[in-house]
Amino acid sequence: MEDLIPHVAPAVVLSVLVGLFHACLYLAVRARGGLHVLAVIPAAIAGAYVGQAVGARVGDPLPIGDFGLAWASILAWIGILLVAGIAAIRPGPTDDETGVTNDD
């Protein structure tokens, strides 16, 4: 039975949890959904994973075992802000694409 369950490193699991926490915090504060939500969550998880790797090499003021929580949180927010910045500067849909008419 143990051969059927693959071994998952604790850093991966903690990166997913930290990334999801910060992504949910951003989405709750922003109180706005949209398609960029689909990019915020993976960006936060990837940022947390890279951040824990940086914390393992540089050192971290808030370690949880071998996991660097401070660096993971900082880079998760950098990933979130990159996605939010790209979503803010991309052009929105035009009236022709949405089918909305302004007949005022």
PDB file of N, CA and C in Angstrom:
ATOM      1  N   MET A   1       0.824  -1.197   0.000  1.00  0.00           N
ATOM      2  CA  MET A   1       0.000   0.000   0.000  1.00  0.00           C
ATOM      3  C   MET A   1       0.863   1.254   0.000  1.00  0.00           C
ATOM      4  N   GLU A   2       1.989   1.230   0.708  1.00  0.00           N
ATOM      5  CA  GLU A   2       2.853   2.406   0.772  1.00  0.00           C
ATOM      6  C   GLU A   2       3.487   2.717  -0.575  1.00  0.00           C
ATOM      7  N   ASP A   3       3.604   1.718  -1.448  1.00  0.00           N
ATOM      8  CA  ASP A   3       4.184   1.944  -2.764  1.00  0.00           C
ATOM      9  C   ASP A   3       3.237   2.703  -3.682  1.00  0.00           C
ATOM     10  N   LEU A   4       1.949   2.686  -3.374  1.00  0.00           N
ATOM     11  CA  LEU A   4       0.966   3.360  -4.213  1.00  0.00           C
ATOM     12  C   LEU A   4       0.921   4.868  -3.975  1.00  0.00           C
ATOM     13  N   ILE A   5       1.341   5.305  -2.802  1.00  0.00           N
ATOM     14  CA  ILE A   5       1.306   6.722  -2.461  1.00  0.00           C
ATOM     15  C   ILE A   5       2.684   7.319  -2.677  1.00  0.00           C
ATOM     16  N   PRO A   6       2.817   8.270  -3.598  1.00  0.00           N
ATOM     17  CA  PRO A   6       4.146   8.837  -3.851  1.00  0.00           C
ATOM     18  C   PRO A   6       4.603   9.731  -2.698  1.00  0.00           C
ATOM     19  N   HIS A   7       5.894   9.808  -2.536  1.00  0.00           N
ATOM     20  CA  HIS A   7       6.465  10.671  -1.502  1.00  0.00           C
ATOM     21  C   HIS A   7       6.420  12.128  -1.988  1.00  0.00           C
ATOM     22  N   VAL A   8       5.881  12.994  -1.173  1.00  0.00           N
ATOM     23  CA  VAL A   8       5.807  14.419  -1.492  1.00  0.00           C
ATOM     24  C   VAL A   8       6.639  15.159  -0.454  1.00  0.00           C
ATOM     25  N   ALA A   9       7.538  15.993  -0.925  1.00  0.00           N
ATOM     26  CA  ALA A   9       8.399  16.739  -0.018  1.00  0.00           C
ATOM     27  C   ALA A   9       7.566  17.728   0.797  1.00  0.00           C
ATOM     28  N   PRO A  10       7.916  17.922   2.060  1.00  0.00           N
ATOM     29  CA  PRO A  10       7.168  18.875   2.888  1.00  0.00           C
ATOM     30  C   PRO A  10       7.209  20.303   2.344  1.00  0.00           C
ATOM     31  N   ALA A  11       8.282  20.666   1.647  1.00  0.00           N
ATOM     32  CA  ALA A  11       8.379  22.015   1.091  1.00  0.00           C
ATOM     33  C   ALA A  11       7.294  22.268   0.046  1.00  0.00           C
ATOM     34  N   VAL A  12       6.947  21.254  -0.710  1.00  0.00           N
ATOM     35  CA  VAL A  12       5.905  21.404  -1.729  1.00  0.00           C
ATOM     36  C   VAL A  12       4.548  21.641  -1.054  1.00  0.00           C
ATOM     37  N   VAL A  13       4.253  20.845  -0.040  1.00  0.00           N
ATOM     38  CA  VAL A  13       2.969  20.973   0.654  1.00  0.00           C
ATOM     39  C   VAL A  13       2.872  22.329   1.351  1.00  0.00           C
ATOM     40  N   LEU A  14       3.945  22.735   2.037  1.00  0.00           N
ATOM     41  CA  LEU A  14       3.917  24.031   2.721  1.00  0.00           C
ATOM     42  C   LEU A  14       3.862  25.187   1.728  1.00  0.00           C
ATOM     43  N   SER A  15       4.503  25.041   0.571  1.00  0.00           N
ATOM     44  CA  SER A  15       4.432  26.096  -0.454  1.00  0.00           C
ATOM     45  C   SER A  15       3.009  26.252  -0.973  1.00  0.00           C
ATOM     46  N   VAL A  16       2.327  25.144  -1.167  1.00  0.00           N
ATOM     47  CA  VAL A  16       0.926  25.213  -1.613  1.00  0.00           C
ATOM     48  C   VAL A  16       0.067  25.892  -0.550  1.00  0.00           C
ATOM     49  N   LEU A  17       0.263  25.525   0.715  1.00  0.00           N
ATOM     50  CA  LEU A  17      -0.533  26.137   1.786  1.00  0.00           C
ATOM     51  C   LEU A  17      -0.245  27.626   1.929  1.00  0.00           C
ATOM     52  N   VAL A  18       1.023  28.005   1.908  1.00  0.00           N
ATOM     53  CA  VAL A  18       1.383  29.427   2.038  1.00  0.00           C
ATOM     54  C   VAL A  18       0.890  30.206   0.824  1.00  0.00           C
ATOM     55  N   GLY A  19       1.063  29.653  -0.369  1.00  0.00           N
ATOM     56  CA  GLY A  19       0.599  30.328  -1.578  1.00  0.00           C
ATOM     57  C   GLY A  19      -0.908  30.504  -1.598  1.00  0.00           C
ATOM     58  N   LEU A  20      -1.644  29.471  -1.220  1.00  0.00           N
ATOM     59  CA  LEU A  20      -3.105  29.576  -1.162  1.00  0.00           C
ATOM     60  C   LEU A  20      -3.559  30.581  -0.112  1.00  0.00           C
ATOM     61  N   PHE A  21      -2.884  30.598   1.035  1.00  0.00           N
ATOM     62  CA  PHE A  21      -3.253  31.550   2.073  1.00  0.00           C
ATOM     63  C   PHE A  21      -3.102  32.979   1.576  1.00  0.00           C
ATOM     64  N   HIS A  22      -1.955  33.293   0.983  1.00  0.00           N
ATOM     65  CA  HIS A  22      -1.725  34.662   0.531  1.00  0.00           C
ATOM     66  C   HIS A  22      -2.605  35.022  -0.667  1.00  0.00           C
ATOM     67  N   ALA A  23      -2.866  34.071  -1.548  1.00  0.00           N
ATOM     68  CA  ALA A  23      -3.767  34.337  -2.670  1.00  0.00           C
ATOM     69  C   ALA A  23      -5.187  34.609  -2.168  1.00  0.00           C
ATOM     70  N   CYS A  24      -5.653  33.827  -1.210  1.00  0.00           N
ATOM     71  CA  CYS A  24      -6.989  34.047  -0.643  1.00  0.00           C
ATOM     72  C   CYS A  24      -7.062  35.364   0.117  1.00  0.00           C
ATOM     73  N   LEU A  25      -5.991  35.706   0.808  1.00  0.00           N
ATOM     74  CA  LEU A  25      -5.945  36.985   1.510  1.00  0.00           C
ATOM     75  C   LEU A  25      -6.027  38.144   0.514  1.00  0.00           C
ATOM     76  N   TYR A  26      -5.277  38.050  -0.579  1.00  0.00           N
ATOM     77  CA  TYR A  26      -5.331  39.085  -1.615  1.00  0.00           C
ATOM     78  C   TYR A  26      -6.729  39.188  -2.212  1.00  0.00           C
ATOM     79  N   LEU A  27      -7.329  38.048  -2.522  1.00  0.00           N
ATOM     80  CA  LEU A  27      -8.654  38.072  -3.139  1.00  0.00           C
ATOM     81  C   LEU A  27      -9.723  38.561  -2.174  1.00  0.00           C
ATOM     82  N   ALA A  28      -9.574  38.294  -0.888  1.00  0.00           N
ATOM     83  CA  ALA A  28     -10.541  38.779   0.100  1.00  0.00           C
ATOM     84  C   ALA A  28     -10.415  40.286   0.293  1.00  0.00           C
ATOM     85  N   VAL A  29      -9.195  40.791   0.326  1.00  0.00           N
ATOM     86  CA  VAL A  29      -8.985  42.232   0.488  1.00  0.00           C
ATOM     87  C   VAL A  29      -9.419  42.969  -0.768  1.00  0.00           C
ATOM     88  N   ARG A  30      -9.110  42.406  -1.909  1.00  0.00           N
ATOM     89  CA  ARG A  30      -9.442  43.042  -3.181  1.00  0.00           C
ATOM     90  C   ARG A  30     -10.935  42.953  -3.467  1.00  0.00           C
ATOM     91  N   ALA A  31     -11.569  41.905  -2.988  1.00  0.00           N
ATOM     92  CA  ALA A  31     -13.017  41.673  -3.155  1.00  0.00           C
ATOM     93  C   ALA A  31     -13.435  41.762  -4.619  1.00  0.00           C
ATOM     94  N   ARG A  32     -12.599  41.193  -5.457  1.00  0.00           N
ATOM     95  CA  ARG A  32     -12.909  41.219  -6.878  1.00  0.00           C
ATOM     96  C   ARG A  32     -12.483  39.906  -7.505  1.00  0.00           C
ATOM     97  N   GLY A  33     -13.365  39.310  -8.239  1.00  0.00           N
ATOM     98  CA  GLY A  33     -13.034  38.090  -8.953  1.00  0.00           C
ATOM     99  C   GLY A  33     -12.663  38.421 -10.378  1.00  0.00           C
ATOM    100  N   GLY A  34     -12.651  37.446 -11.184  1.00  0.00           N
ATOM    101  CA  GLY A  34     -12.330  37.640 -12.578  1.00  0.00           C
ATOM    102  C   GLY A  34     -11.421  36.524 -13.049  1.00  0.00           C
ATOM    103  N   LEU A  35     -11.043  36.621 -14.292  1.00  0.00           N
ATOM    104  CA  LEU A  35     -10.196  35.576 -14.841  1.00  0.00           C
ATOM    105  C   LEU A  35      -8.783  35.616 -14.297  1.00  0.00           C
ATOM    106  N   HIS A  36      -8.357  36.766 -13.779  1.00  0.00           N
ATOM    107  CA  HIS A  36      -6.994  36.797 -13.253  1.00  0.00           C
ATOM    108  C   HIS A  36      -6.856  35.999 -11.957  1.00  0.00           C
ATOM    109  N   VAL A  37      -7.976  35.584 -11.367  1.00  0.00           N
ATOM    110  CA  VAL A  37      -7.936  34.707 -10.192  1.00  0.00           C
ATOM    111  C   VAL A  37      -7.261  33.387 -10.558  1.00  0.00           C
ATOM    112  N   LEU A  38      -7.499  32.929 -11.780  1.00  0.00           N
ATOM    113  CA  LEU A  38      -6.883  31.685 -12.233  1.00  0.00           C
ATOM    114  C   LEU A  38      -5.370  31.808 -12.355  1.00  0.00           C
ATOM    115  N   ALA A  39      -4.858  33.007 -12.455  1.00  0.00           N
ATOM    116  CA  ALA A  39      -3.410  33.208 -12.528  1.00  0.00           C
ATOM    117  C   ALA A  39      -2.817  33.593 -11.181  1.00  0.00           C
ATOM    118  N   VAL A  40      -3.608  34.172 -10.288  1.00  0.00           N
ATOM    119  CA  VAL A  40      -3.100  34.606  -8.982  1.00  0.00           C
ATOM    120  C   VAL A  40      -2.685  33.405  -8.133  1.00  0.00           C
ATOM    121  N   ILE A  41      -3.497  32.379  -8.111  1.00  0.00           N
ATOM    122  CA  ILE A  41      -3.217  31.226  -7.252  1.00  0.00           C
ATOM    123  C   ILE A  41      -1.939  30.493  -7.667  1.00  0.00           C
ATOM    124  N   PRO A  42      -1.766  30.133  -8.949  1.00  0.00           N
ATOM    125  CA  PRO A  42      -0.494  29.483  -9.311  1.00  0.00           C
ATOM    126  C   PRO A  42       0.720  30.389  -9.130  1.00  0.00           C
ATOM    127  N   ALA A  43       0.553  31.691  -9.350  1.00  0.00           N
ATOM    128  CA  ALA A  43       1.678  32.611  -9.162  1.00  0.00           C
ATOM    129  C   ALA A  43       2.081  32.682  -7.695  1.00  0.00           C
ATOM    130  N   ALA A  44       1.116  32.669  -6.802  1.00  0.00           N
ATOM    131  CA  ALA A  44       1.423  32.707  -5.373  1.00  0.00           C
ATOM    132  C   ALA A  44       2.082  31.407  -4.924  1.00  0.00           C
ATOM    133  N   ILE A  45       1.615  30.284  -5.423  1.00  0.00           N
ATOM    134  CA  ILE A  45       2.212  28.996  -5.050  1.00  0.00           C
ATOM    135  C   ILE A  45       3.630  28.894  -5.596  1.00  0.00           C
ATOM    136  N   ALA A  46       3.829  29.286  -6.850  1.00  0.00           N
ATOM    137  CA  ALA A  46       5.178  29.246  -7.426  1.00  0.00           C
ATOM    138  C   ALA A  46       6.114  30.202  -6.695  1.00  0.00           C
ATOM    139  N   GLY A  47       5.615  31.379  -6.348  1.00  0.00           N
ATOM    140  CA  GLY A  47       6.427  32.323  -5.591  1.00  0.00           C
ATOM    141  C   GLY A  47       6.806  31.787  -4.220  1.00  0.00           C
ATOM    142  N   ALA A  48       5.882  31.112  -3.566  1.00  0.00           N
ATOM    143  CA  ALA A  48       6.177  30.531  -2.257  1.00  0.00           C
ATOM    144  C   ALA A  48       7.211  29.423  -2.373  1.00  0.00           C
ATOM    145  N   TYR A  49       7.135  28.638  -3.428  1.00  0.00           N
ATOM    146  CA  TYR A  49       8.106  27.555  -3.617  1.00  0.00           C
ATOM    147  C   TYR A  49       9.500  28.108  -3.899  1.00  0.00           C
ATOM    148  N   VAL A  50       9.579  29.123  -4.745  1.00  0.00           N
ATOM    149  CA  VAL A  50      10.872  29.753  -5.013  1.00  0.00           C
ATOM    150  C   VAL A  50      11.380  30.461  -3.760  1.00  0.00           C
ATOM    151  N   GLY A  51      10.487  31.069  -3.018  1.00  0.00           N
ATOM    152  CA  GLY A  51      10.874  31.762  -1.793  1.00  0.00           C
ATOM    153  C   GLY A  51      11.430  30.829  -0.743  1.00  0.00           C
ATOM    154  N   GLN A  52      10.885  29.629  -0.633  1.00  0.00           N
ATOM    155  CA  GLN A  52      11.432  28.694   0.341  1.00  0.00           C
ATOM    156  C   GLN A  52      12.812  28.230  -0.086  1.00  0.00           C
ATOM    157  N   ALA A  53      13.049  28.129  -1.388  1.00  0.00           N
ATOM    158  CA  ALA A  53      14.383  27.760  -1.869  1.00  0.00           C
ATOM    159  C   ALA A  53      15.391  28.870  -1.574  1.00  0.00           C
ATOM    160  N   VAL A  54      14.974  30.111  -1.751  1.00  0.00           N
ATOM    161  CA  VAL A  54      15.846  31.246  -1.423  1.00  0.00           C
ATOM    162  C   VAL A  54      16.122  31.271   0.076  1.00  0.00           C
ATOM    163  N   GLY A  55      15.111  31.062   0.870  1.00  0.00           N
ATOM    164  CA  GLY A  55      15.265  31.049   2.318  1.00  0.00           C
ATOM    165  C   GLY A  55      16.169  29.935   2.804  1.00  0.00           C
ATOM    166  N   ALA A  56      16.164  28.811   2.108  1.00  0.00           N
ATOM    167  CA  ALA A  56      17.026  27.699   2.490  1.00  0.00           C
ATOM    168  C   ALA A  56      18.495  28.027   2.226  1.00  0.00           C
ATOM    169  N   ARG A  57      18.755  28.849   1.223  1.00  0.00           N
ATOM    170  CA  ARG A  57      20.135  29.180   0.882  1.00  0.00           C
ATOM    171  C   ARG A  57      20.642  30.424   1.608  1.00  0.00           C
ATOM    172  N   VAL A  58      19.802  31.415   1.753  1.00  0.00           N
ATOM    173  CA  VAL A  58      20.213  32.690   2.342  1.00  0.00           C
ATOM    174  C   VAL A  58      20.022  32.688   3.857  1.00  0.00           C
ATOM    175  N   GLY A  59      19.042  31.981   4.317  1.00  0.00           N
ATOM    176  CA  GLY A  59      18.663  32.026   5.727  1.00  0.00           C
ATOM    177  C   GLY A  59      17.344  32.758   5.855  1.00  0.00           C
ATOM    178  N   ASP A  60      16.584  32.405   6.863  1.00  0.00           N
ATOM    179  CA  ASP A  60      15.257  32.983   7.010  1.00  0.00           C
ATOM    180  C   ASP A  60      15.006  33.318   8.475  1.00  0.00           C
ATOM    181  N   PRO A  61      14.437  34.481   8.742  1.00  0.00           N
ATOM    182  CA  PRO A  61      14.160  34.833  10.140  1.00  0.00           C
ATOM    183  C   PRO A  61      12.972  34.074  10.747  1.00  0.00           C
ATOM    184  N   LEU A  62      12.110  33.510   9.912  1.00  0.00           N
ATOM    185  CA  LEU A  62      10.939  32.762  10.393  1.00  0.00           C
ATOM    186  C   LEU A  62      10.923  31.341   9.826  1.00  0.00           C
ATOM    187  N   PRO A  63      11.871  30.507  10.235  1.00  0.00           N
ATOM    188  CA  PRO A  63      11.872  29.147   9.673  1.00  0.00           C
ATOM    189  C   PRO A  63      10.839  28.248  10.343  1.00  0.00           C
ATOM    190  N   ILE A  64      10.257  27.384   9.554  1.00  0.00           N
ATOM    191  CA  ILE A  64       9.426  26.300  10.068  1.00  0.00           C
ATOM    192  C   ILE A  64      10.159  25.033   9.646  1.00  0.00           C
ATOM    193  N   GLY A  65      11.005  24.536  10.520  1.00  0.00           N
ATOM    194  CA  GLY A  65      11.872  23.424  10.149  1.00  0.00           C
ATOM    195  C   GLY A  65      12.858  23.909   9.101  1.00  0.00           C
ATOM    196  N   ASP A  66      12.845  23.308   7.943  1.00  0.00           N
ATOM    197  CA  ASP A  66      13.697  23.742   6.834  1.00  0.00           C
ATOM    198  C   ASP A  66      12.988  24.698   5.883  1.00  0.00           C
ATOM    199  N   PHE A  67      11.752  25.027   6.163  1.00  0.00           N
ATOM    200  CA  PHE A  67      10.959  25.892   5.286  1.00  0.00           C
ATOM    201  C   PHE A  67      11.103  27.339   5.720  1.00  0.00           C
ATOM    202  N   GLY A  68      11.494  28.212   4.789  1.00  0.00           N
ATOM    203  CA  GLY A  68      11.639  29.634   5.083  1.00  0.00           C
ATOM    204  C   GLY A  68      10.333  30.375   4.852  1.00  0.00           C
ATOM    205  N   LEU A  69       9.608  30.660   5.916  1.00  0.00           N
ATOM    206  CA  LEU A  69       8.276  31.265   5.806  1.00  0.00           C
ATOM    207  C   LEU A  69       8.328  32.710   5.332  1.00  0.00           C
ATOM    208  N   ALA A  70       9.289  33.489   5.817  1.00  0.00           N
ATOM    209  CA  ALA A  70       9.348  34.907   5.439  1.00  0.00           C
ATOM    210  C   ALA A  70       9.640  35.063   3.946  1.00  0.00           C
ATOM    211  N   TRP A  71      10.655  34.356   3.454  1.00  0.00           N
ATOM    212  CA  TRP A  71      10.972  34.456   2.023  1.00  0.00           C
ATOM    213  C   TRP A  71       9.847  33.906   1.164  1.00  0.00           C
ATOM    214  N   ALA A  72       9.210  32.827   1.607  1.00  0.00           N
ATOM    215  CA  ALA A  72       8.098  32.257   0.849  1.00  0.00           C
ATOM    216  C   ALA A  72       6.940  33.254   0.766  1.00  0.00           C
ATOM    217  N   SER A  73       6.669  33.951   1.859  1.00  0.00           N
ATOM    218  CA  SER A  73       5.585  34.930   1.864  1.00  0.00           C
ATOM    219  C   SER A  73       5.919  36.135   0.981  1.00  0.00           C
ATOM    220  N   ILE A  74       7.156  36.603   1.066  1.00  0.00           N
ATOM    221  CA  ILE A  74       7.558  37.759   0.261  1.00  0.00           C
ATOM    222  C   ILE A  74       7.456  37.446  -1.225  1.00  0.00           C
ATOM    223  N   LEU A  75       7.981  36.299  -1.638  1.00  0.00           N
ATOM    224  CA  LEU A  75       7.947  35.972  -3.061  1.00  0.00           C
ATOM    225  C   LEU A  75       6.558  35.556  -3.533  1.00  0.00           C
ATOM    226  N   ALA A  76       5.713  35.058  -2.639  1.00  0.00           N
ATOM    227  CA  ALA A  76       4.319  34.796  -3.016  1.00  0.00           C
ATOM    228  C   ALA A  76       3.620  36.113  -3.341  1.00  0.00           C
ATOM    229  N   TRP A  77       3.875  37.156  -2.528  1.00  0.00           N
ATOM    230  CA  TRP A  77       3.273  38.463  -2.797  1.00  0.00           C
ATOM    231  C   TRP A  77       3.843  39.093  -4.055  1.00  0.00           C
ATOM    232  N   ILE A  78       5.119  38.863  -4.345  1.00  0.00           N
ATOM    233  CA  ILE A  78       5.693  39.376  -5.596  1.00  0.00           C
ATOM    234  C   ILE A  78       4.996  38.721  -6.784  1.00  0.00           C
ATOM    235  N   GLY A  79       4.744  37.419  -6.710  1.00  0.00           N
ATOM    236  CA  GLY A  79       4.009  36.744  -7.783  1.00  0.00           C
ATOM    237  C   GLY A  79       2.593  37.277  -7.930  1.00  0.00           C
ATOM    238  N   ILE A  80       1.928  37.518  -6.812  1.00  0.00           N
ATOM    239  CA  ILE A  80       0.562  38.066  -6.851  1.00  0.00           C
ATOM    240  C   ILE A  80       0.572  39.462  -7.470  1.00  0.00           C
ATOM    241  N   LEU A  81       1.520  40.291  -7.062  1.00  0.00           N
ATOM    242  CA  LEU A  81       1.578  41.659  -7.589  1.00  0.00           C
ATOM    243  C   LEU A  81       1.940  41.693  -9.065  1.00  0.00           C
ATOM    244  N   LEU A  82       2.753  40.749  -9.521  1.00  0.00           N
ATOM    245  CA  LEU A  82       3.042  40.670 -10.954  1.00  0.00           C
ATOM    246  C   LEU A  82       1.774  40.365 -11.746  1.00  0.00           C
ATOM    247  N   VAL A  83       1.007  39.412 -11.286  1.00  0.00           N
ATOM    248  CA  VAL A  83      -0.240  39.070 -11.972  1.00  0.00           C
ATOM    249  C   VAL A  83      -1.227  40.233 -11.907  1.00  0.00           C
ATOM    250  N   ALA A  84      -1.330  40.881 -10.748  1.00  0.00           N
ATOM    251  CA  ALA A  84      -2.245  42.020 -10.617  1.00  0.00           C
ATOM    252  C   ALA A  84      -1.811  43.174 -11.517  1.00  0.00           C
ATOM    253  N   GLY A  85      -0.519  43.394 -11.631  1.00  0.00           N
ATOM    254  CA  GLY A  85      -0.020  44.445 -12.514  1.00  0.00           C
ATOM    255  C   GLY A  85      -0.306  44.159 -13.974  1.00  0.00           C
ATOM    256  N   ILE A  86      -0.108  42.917 -14.373  1.00  0.00           N
ATOM    257  CA  ILE A  86      -0.414  42.542 -15.758  1.00  0.00           C
ATOM    258  C   ILE A  86      -1.908  42.654 -16.022  1.00  0.00           C
ATOM    259  N   ALA A  87      -2.737  42.263 -15.063  1.00  0.00           N
ATOM    260  CA  ALA A  87      -4.190  42.366 -15.235  1.00  0.00           C
ATOM    261  C   ALA A  87      -4.634  43.822 -15.299  1.00  0.00           C
ATOM    262  N   ALA A  88      -3.909  44.709 -14.613  1.00  0.00           N
ATOM    263  CA  ALA A  88      -4.298  46.118 -14.610  1.00  0.00           C
ATOM    264  C   ALA A  88      -3.934  46.821 -15.911  1.00  0.00           C
ATOM    265  N   ILE A  89      -2.854  46.408 -16.559  1.00  0.00           N
ATOM    266  CA  ILE A  89      -2.436  47.127 -17.762  1.00  0.00           C
ATOM    267  C   ILE A  89      -2.942  46.505 -19.054  1.00  0.00           C
ATOM    268  N   ARG A  90      -3.480  45.303 -18.982  1.00  0.00           N
ATOM    269  CA  ARG A  90      -3.977  44.707 -20.218  1.00  0.00           C
ATOM    270  C   ARG A  90      -5.275  45.402 -20.615  1.00  0.00           C
ATOM    271  N   PRO A  91      -5.553  45.466 -21.900  1.00  0.00           N
ATOM    272  CA  PRO A  91      -6.791  46.127 -22.330  1.00  0.00           C
ATOM    273  C   PRO A  91      -8.014  45.283 -21.971  1.00  0.00           C
ATOM    274  N   GLY A  92      -9.078  45.962 -21.600  1.00  0.00           N
ATOM    275  CA  GLY A  92     -10.324  45.281 -21.264  1.00  0.00           C
ATOM    276  C   GLY A  92     -11.120  44.978 -22.512  1.00  0.00           C
ATOM    277  N   PRO A  93     -12.202  44.238 -22.357  1.00  0.00           N
ATOM    278  CA  PRO A  93     -13.033  43.924 -23.520  1.00  0.00           C
ATOM    279  C   PRO A  93     -13.755  45.170 -24.030  1.00  0.00           C
ATOM    280  N   THR A  94     -13.928  45.248 -25.318  1.00  0.00           N
ATOM    281  CA  THR A  94     -14.653  46.369 -25.925  1.00  0.00           C
ATOM    282  C   THR A  94     -16.148  46.055 -25.927  1.00  0.00           C
ATOM    283  N   ASP A  95     -16.943  47.042 -26.296  1.00  0.00           N
ATOM    284  CA  ASP A  95     -18.392  46.844 -26.340  1.00  0.00           C
ATOM    285  C   ASP A  95     -18.782  45.778 -27.347  1.00  0.00           C
ATOM    286  N   ASP A  96     -18.019  45.663 -28.448  1.00  0.00           N
ATOM    287  CA  ASP A  96     -18.326  44.652 -29.451  1.00  0.00           C
ATOM    288  C   ASP A  96     -18.115  43.237 -28.906  1.00  0.00           C
ATOM    289  N   GLU A  97     -17.107  43.072 -28.054  1.00  0.00           N
ATOM    290  CA  GLU A  97     -16.806  41.744 -27.509  1.00  0.00           C
ATOM    291  C   GLU A  97     -17.790  41.346 -26.415  1.00  0.00           C
ATOM    292  N   THR A  98     -18.280  42.302 -25.645  1.00  0.00           N
ATOM    293  CA  THR A  98     -19.176  41.975 -24.538  1.00  0.00           C
ATOM    294  C   THR A  98     -20.633  41.925 -24.957  1.00  0.00           C
ATOM    295  N   GLY A  99     -20.973  42.577 -26.037  1.00  0.00           N
ATOM    296  CA  GLY A  99     -22.362  42.621 -26.486  1.00  0.00           C
ATOM    297  C   GLY A  99     -23.184  43.642 -25.734  1.00  0.00           C
ATOM    298  N   VAL A 100     -22.546  44.490 -24.937  1.00  0.00           N
ATOM    299  CA  VAL A 100     -23.248  45.497 -24.160  1.00  0.00           C
ATOM    300  C   VAL A 100     -23.379  46.750 -25.019  1.00  0.00           C
ATOM    301  N   THR A 101     -24.579  47.307 -25.032  1.00  0.00           N
ATOM    302  CA  THR A 101     -24.786  48.557 -25.753  1.00  0.00           C
ATOM    303  C   THR A 101     -25.129  49.654 -24.753  1.00  0.00           C
ATOM    304  N   ASN A 102     -24.726  50.831 -25.043  1.00  0.00           N
ATOM    305  CA  ASN A 102     -24.988  51.982 -24.181  1.00  0.00           C
ATOM    306  C   ASN A 102     -25.989  52.879 -24.888  1.00  0.00           C
ATOM    307  N   ASP A 103     -27.268  52.659 -24.607  1.00  0.00           N
ATOM    308  CA  ASP A 103     -28.339  53.397 -25.284  1.00  0.00           C
ATOM    309  C   ASP A 103     -28.914  54.480 -24.404  1.00  0.00           C
ATOM    310  N   ASP A 104     -28.094  55.213 -23.715  1.00  0.00           N
ATOM    311  CA  ASP A 104     -28.591  56.296 -22.836  1.00  0.00           C
ATOM    312  C   ASP A 104     -29.010  57.489 -23.603  1.00  0.00           C
TER     313      ASP A 104
END
